[in-house]
Amino acid sequence: MALFGKKKEEKKEGAPCCCCSGEQTIGETASTCCGEKVDSICCIKVLGSGCKACHQLYDNTVEAVKGMGIEVEYVTDLQKIMEYGAMLMPALVVNEKLVSSGKVLKPTEIIKLIRG
């Protein structure tokens, strides 16, 4: 059974950062992430299956970061979603770290998560 955990670790370490062209991996993202950080944030992702709640979280996230110069990515690929360990949708990922799962956050709540 240890084989499964090891394979997951290896795969996660080799996954490219969202804002990099494959030069850095998720493990390196938190510290450097291409040097394009805005308010210490390099990337925000909304993970979802494409349902109404997932689209609402995406819209709320875009509204929350409006004017900050931060791009929000919408991820629907189930394999990528599972790599983050999100078990409930929609989910929010900031700097490659899962910060919310299973609820639609309001723009003010998203700003608190980003800044906090």
Protein backbone atom coordinates (compact mmCIF):
# COMPACT_ATOMS: atom_id res chain seq x y z
CA MET A 1 0.00 0.00 0.00
CA ALA A 2 2.92 2.37 0.48
CA LEU A 3 3.45 2.25 -3.26
CA PHE A 4 0.27 4.27 -3.87
CA GLY A 5 1.31 7.11 -1.57
CA LYS A 6 4.77 7.23 -3.11
CA LYS A 7 3.43 7.43 -6.65
CA LYS A 8 1.11 10.27 -5.66
CA GLU A 9 4.02 12.18 -4.10
CA GLU A 10 6.19 11.76 -7.18
CA LYS A 11 3.41 12.92 -9.48
CA LYS A 12 2.58 15.98 -7.38
CA GLU A 13 6.21 17.11 -7.20
CA GLY A 14 6.56 16.97 -10.97
CA ALA A 15 3.40 18.92 -11.78
CA PRO A 16 4.09 22.34 -13.29
CA CYS A 17 3.06 25.55 -11.59
CA CYS A 18 0.07 27.33 -13.11
CA CYS A 19 1.92 30.53 -13.92
CA CYS A 20 5.14 28.93 -15.09
CA SER A 21 5.90 27.32 -18.39
CA GLY A 22 6.85 24.06 -16.72
CA GLU A 23 10.11 25.39 -15.30
CA GLN A 24 9.01 25.10 -11.67
CA THR A 25 6.96 22.53 -9.79
CA ILE A 26 4.20 22.83 -7.23
CA GLY A 27 6.70 22.38 -4.39
CA GLU A 28 8.72 25.38 -5.60
CA THR A 29 5.68 27.57 -6.21
CA ALA A 30 5.21 28.88 -2.69
CA SER A 31 8.61 30.53 -2.55
CA THR A 32 9.30 31.83 -6.03
CA CYS A 33 6.61 31.18 -8.67
CA CYS A 34 8.21 33.07 -11.55
CA GLY A 35 8.63 36.29 -9.57
CA GLU A 36 5.23 37.51 -10.80
CA LYS A 37 3.52 37.65 -7.43
CA VAL A 38 0.85 40.25 -6.79
CA ASP A 39 0.33 40.87 -3.06
CA SER A 40 2.21 37.57 -2.42
CA ILE A 41 -0.20 35.66 -4.69
CA CYS A 42 1.04 33.98 -7.84
CA CYS A 43 -2.08 32.08 -8.85
CA ILE A 44 -5.67 31.36 -7.91
CA LYS A 45 -7.64 28.38 -9.18
CA VAL A 46 -11.27 27.43 -8.85
CA LEU A 47 -11.76 23.67 -8.99
CA GLY A 48 -15.11 22.36 -10.10
CA SER A 49 -17.14 20.04 -12.24
CA GLY A 50 -18.87 22.78 -14.21
CA CYS A 51 -22.01 23.00 -12.10
CA LYS A 52 -23.84 26.20 -11.18
CA ALA A 53 -22.17 26.46 -7.75
CA CYS A 54 -18.71 26.05 -9.30
CA HIS A 55 -19.38 28.79 -11.83
CA GLN A 56 -20.69 31.02 -9.04
CA LEU A 57 -17.46 30.57 -7.03
CA TYR A 58 -15.45 31.39 -10.16
CA ASP A 59 -17.49 34.56 -10.77
CA ASN A 60 -17.16 35.59 -7.11
CA THR A 61 -13.41 34.99 -7.21
CA VAL A 62 -12.99 37.06 -10.38
CA GLU A 63 -15.00 39.85 -8.72
CA ALA A 64 -12.90 39.63 -5.54
CA VAL A 65 -9.58 40.02 -7.37
CA LYS A 66 -10.82 42.60 -9.87
CA GLY A 67 -8.27 45.39 -10.16
CA MET A 68 -5.51 43.39 -8.41
CA GLY A 69 -3.95 42.08 -11.61
CA ILE A 70 -4.38 38.45 -10.54
CA GLU A 71 -5.58 35.87 -13.05
CA VAL A 72 -8.10 33.24 -11.93
CA GLU A 73 -8.01 29.82 -13.57
CA TYR A 74 -11.03 27.49 -13.74
CA VAL A 75 -10.04 23.81 -13.55
CA THR A 76 -12.52 21.08 -14.51
CA ASP A 77 -10.08 18.22 -15.17
CA LEU A 78 -10.88 15.62 -12.50
CA GLN A 79 -7.32 14.27 -12.44
CA LYS A 80 -5.91 17.72 -11.64
CA ILE A 81 -8.61 18.34 -9.05
CA MET A 82 -7.72 15.10 -7.26
CA GLU A 83 -4.06 16.13 -7.13
CA TYR A 84 -5.07 18.98 -4.81
CA GLY A 85 -6.97 16.60 -2.53
CA ALA A 86 -10.29 18.38 -3.00
CA MET A 87 -13.09 16.00 -2.11
CA LEU A 88 -15.98 18.48 -2.35
CA MET A 89 -16.71 20.93 -5.14
CA PRO A 90 -16.40 23.82 -5.65
CA ALA A 91 -12.92 24.34 -4.23
CA LEU A 92 -10.54 27.29 -4.13
CA VAL A 93 -6.75 27.01 -4.47
CA VAL A 94 -4.43 29.95 -3.70
CA ASN A 95 -0.69 29.59 -4.43
CA GLU A 96 -1.18 25.86 -5.09
CA LYS A 97 -2.73 25.36 -1.60
CA LEU A 98 -6.33 24.24 -1.11
CA VAL A 99 -7.97 26.93 1.07
CA SER A 100 -11.69 26.16 0.70
CA SER A 101 -13.77 23.21 -0.38
CA GLY A 102 -17.45 22.43 -0.62
CA LYS A 103 -18.98 25.90 -0.44
CA VAL A 104 -19.57 28.97 -2.56
CA LEU A 105 -17.68 31.83 -0.94
CA LYS A 106 -18.77 35.46 -1.24
CA PRO A 107 -16.26 37.94 -2.70
CA THR A 108 -15.58 39.42 0.77
CA GLU A 109 -14.79 35.94 2.16
CA ILE A 110 -12.43 35.28 -0.74
CA ILE A 111 -10.59 38.56 -0.10
CA LYS A 112 -10.15 37.57 3.56
CA LEU A 113 -8.69 34.20 2.52
CA ILE A 114 -6.32 35.83 0.06
CA ARG A 115 -5.09 38.52 2.42
CA GLY A 116 -5.24 36.55 5.63
